[in-house]
C-alpha cells in the first residue's frame, strides 16, 4: 500500500489578501502550530471570505518566518512559498459544497466553521476530494 506523502489544508483569506497570494505565490498564518505542521508538498486550497469561494489550489514548496507585514489585517509571519496547481474562477459557491463536507458539522450555519478556525483548517482526504471534484 502506498503511503501518503502530503496533507491537505484549507486557508481562509480575505479578498485583499487573495490578491497577494495570487500574485506572489505566498500565503501566511500567525499560528505557529499550523506552521510547524505544514510541510513541503502539502496541498492548500484557498477560500476567499466575502465571496465564499475556493479560488486556488497550491502545493507548498517551502516555508519561512518573516516579520515584515505584507498581508492586510494582522501580521502573518509564518509563510509558505507556493506552486500554483490550478485557479478556480467562479466555479462554485462554497455553500453548495457544505452537504458533502464532514468537517462542517452545523450545515445550517456552515460559515461559523470557517470563521472560527483561525484561518487554516486541516482537511481529510475525503473532504479535500469532495471539494476538488466540485470545482472541476
Protein backbone atom coordinates (compact mmCIF):
# COMPACT_ATOMS: atom_id res chain seq x y z
CA UNK A 1 0.00 0.00 0.00
CA UNK A 2 1.38 3.42 -0.96
CA UNK A 3 2.00 5.90 1.82
CA UNK A 4 0.57 9.39 1.71
CA UNK A 5 3.38 11.91 1.40
CA UNK A 6 1.35 15.05 1.99
CA UNK A 7 -1.61 16.55 3.82
CA UNK A 8 -4.41 18.90 2.82
CA UNK A 9 -5.34 22.31 4.20
CA UNK A 10 -7.96 24.97 3.66
CA UNK A 11 -6.68 28.53 4.14
CA UNK A 12 -9.29 31.24 4.68
CA UNK A 13 -8.23 34.66 3.38
CA UNK A 14 -9.97 37.97 2.80
CA UNK A 15 -10.21 39.29 -0.76
CA UNK A 16 -7.36 41.79 -0.42
CA UNK A 17 -5.04 39.02 0.80
CA UNK A 18 -6.14 36.74 -2.05
CA UNK A 19 -4.55 39.26 -4.42
CA UNK A 20 -1.26 38.88 -2.51
CA UNK A 21 -1.49 35.08 -2.55
CA UNK A 22 -2.33 35.01 -6.25
CA UNK A 23 0.33 37.47 -7.40
CA UNK A 24 3.12 36.33 -5.10
CA UNK A 25 2.52 32.59 -4.72
CA UNK A 26 2.79 33.09 -0.97
CA UNK A 27 0.45 32.55 1.97
CA UNK A 28 0.87 33.03 5.68
CA UNK A 29 -0.52 32.31 9.11
CA UNK A 30 0.01 33.67 12.61
CA UNK A 31 -0.43 30.16 14.06
CA UNK A 32 2.95 28.59 14.85
CA UNK A 33 1.43 25.14 15.46
CA UNK A 34 -0.07 25.11 11.96
CA UNK A 35 3.23 26.42 10.56
CA UNK A 36 5.12 23.56 12.23
CA UNK A 37 2.58 21.02 10.95
CA UNK A 38 2.58 22.03 7.26
CA UNK A 39 5.38 20.55 5.14
CA UNK A 40 6.65 20.75 1.58
CA UNK A 41 4.34 19.02 -0.93
CA UNK A 42 1.23 19.59 1.23
CA UNK A 43 -1.78 20.80 -0.75
CA UNK A 44 -3.50 24.09 0.08
CA UNK A 45 -6.96 25.17 -1.08
CA UNK A 46 -7.55 28.91 -0.72
CA UNK A 47 -11.04 30.00 0.34
CA UNK A 48 -11.79 33.71 -0.09
CA UNK A 49 -14.17 35.05 2.54
CA UNK A 50 -16.56 37.75 1.44
CA UNK A 51 -17.20 35.98 -1.86
CA UNK A 52 -17.39 32.49 -0.28
CA UNK A 53 -15.43 30.70 -3.00
CA UNK A 54 -12.42 28.45 -3.25
CA UNK A 55 -10.19 30.26 -5.71
CA UNK A 56 -6.98 28.26 -5.93
CA UNK A 57 -5.15 25.01 -5.32
CA UNK A 58 -1.46 25.17 -4.44
CA UNK A 59 1.39 22.94 -3.37
CA UNK A 60 3.77 24.04 -0.63
CA UNK A 61 7.34 24.46 -1.88
CA UNK A 62 8.98 25.78 1.29
CA UNK A 63 8.30 27.74 4.45
CA UNK A 64 9.98 30.56 6.33
CA UNK A 65 9.39 33.17 9.01
CA UNK A 66 9.42 36.88 8.17
CA UNK A 67 8.14 39.73 10.33
CA UNK A 68 7.72 42.27 7.51
CA UNK A 69 3.93 42.74 7.16
CA UNK A 70 2.65 42.06 3.65
CA UNK A 71 -0.87 40.84 4.44
CA UNK A 72 -3.79 43.09 5.33
CA UNK A 73 -5.22 42.78 8.81
CA UNK A 74 -2.99 41.01 11.30
CA UNK A 75 0.61 40.05 10.62
CA UNK A 76 1.13 36.52 9.35
CA UNK A 77 4.87 35.94 9.86
CA UNK A 78 4.78 32.16 9.26
CA UNK A 79 4.80 31.93 5.50
CA UNK A 80 4.71 29.36 2.75
CA UNK A 81 6.11 29.68 -0.76
CA UNK A 82 3.61 28.05 -3.10
CA UNK A 83 3.43 26.46 -6.51
CA UNK A 84 0.13 27.04 -8.30
CA UNK A 85 -1.66 23.87 -9.37
CA UNK A 86 -4.94 25.43 -10.53
CA UNK A 87 -7.11 28.55 -10.30
CA UNK A 88 -10.86 28.14 -9.87
CA UNK A 89 -12.61 31.18 -11.30
CA UNK A 90 -16.25 31.45 -10.21
CA UNK A 91 -16.85 27.73 -10.46
CA UNK A 92 -18.67 27.03 -7.23
CA UNK A 93 -20.31 28.69 -4.27
CA UNK A 94 -18.89 27.19 -1.10
CA UNK A 95 -22.35 26.77 0.42
CA UNK A 96 -23.11 24.27 -2.38
CA UNK A 97 -20.24 22.10 -1.07
CA UNK A 98 -21.38 22.14 2.54
CA UNK A 99 -23.60 18.99 2.40
CA UNK A 100 -20.59 16.99 1.12
CA UNK A 101 -18.10 18.10 3.80
CA UNK A 102 -17.62 16.17 7.04
CA UNK A 103 -15.70 18.90 8.88
CA UNK A 104 -18.74 21.18 8.74
CA UNK A 105 -21.00 19.74 11.40
CA UNK A 106 -23.62 22.51 11.50
CA UNK A 107 -24.78 22.58 7.89
CA UNK A 108 -27.26 25.43 8.55
CA UNK A 109 -24.60 27.77 9.95
CA UNK A 110 -21.68 26.44 7.88
CA UNK A 111 -19.93 29.83 7.82
CA UNK A 112 -19.24 29.58 11.56
CA UNK A 113 -16.91 26.66 10.82
CA UNK A 114 -14.83 28.89 8.55
CA UNK A 115 -14.78 31.91 10.85
CA UNK A 116 -13.69 30.04 13.93
CA UNK A 117 -10.72 28.07 12.65
CA UNK A 118 -8.07 30.78 12.79
CA UNK A 119 -7.61 30.97 9.06
CA UNK A 120 -6.44 27.39 8.47
CA UNK A 121 -8.20 24.03 8.62
CA UNK A 122 -6.58 20.64 8.12
CA UNK A 123 -8.69 18.56 5.74
CA UNK A 124 -9.28 14.85 5.45
CA UNK A 125 -8.63 13.25 2.07
CA UNK A 126 -12.39 12.74 1.78
CA UNK A 127 -13.24 16.43 2.28
CA UNK A 128 -10.37 17.55 0.03
CA UNK A 129 -11.53 15.18 -2.73
CA UNK A 130 -15.15 16.35 -2.41
CA UNK A 131 -14.03 19.96 -2.84
CA UNK A 132 -11.78 19.23 -5.83
CA UNK A 133 -14.47 17.20 -7.61
CA UNK A 134 -16.98 20.01 -7.24
CA UNK A 135 -14.53 22.54 -8.69
CA UNK A 136 -13.65 20.57 -11.83
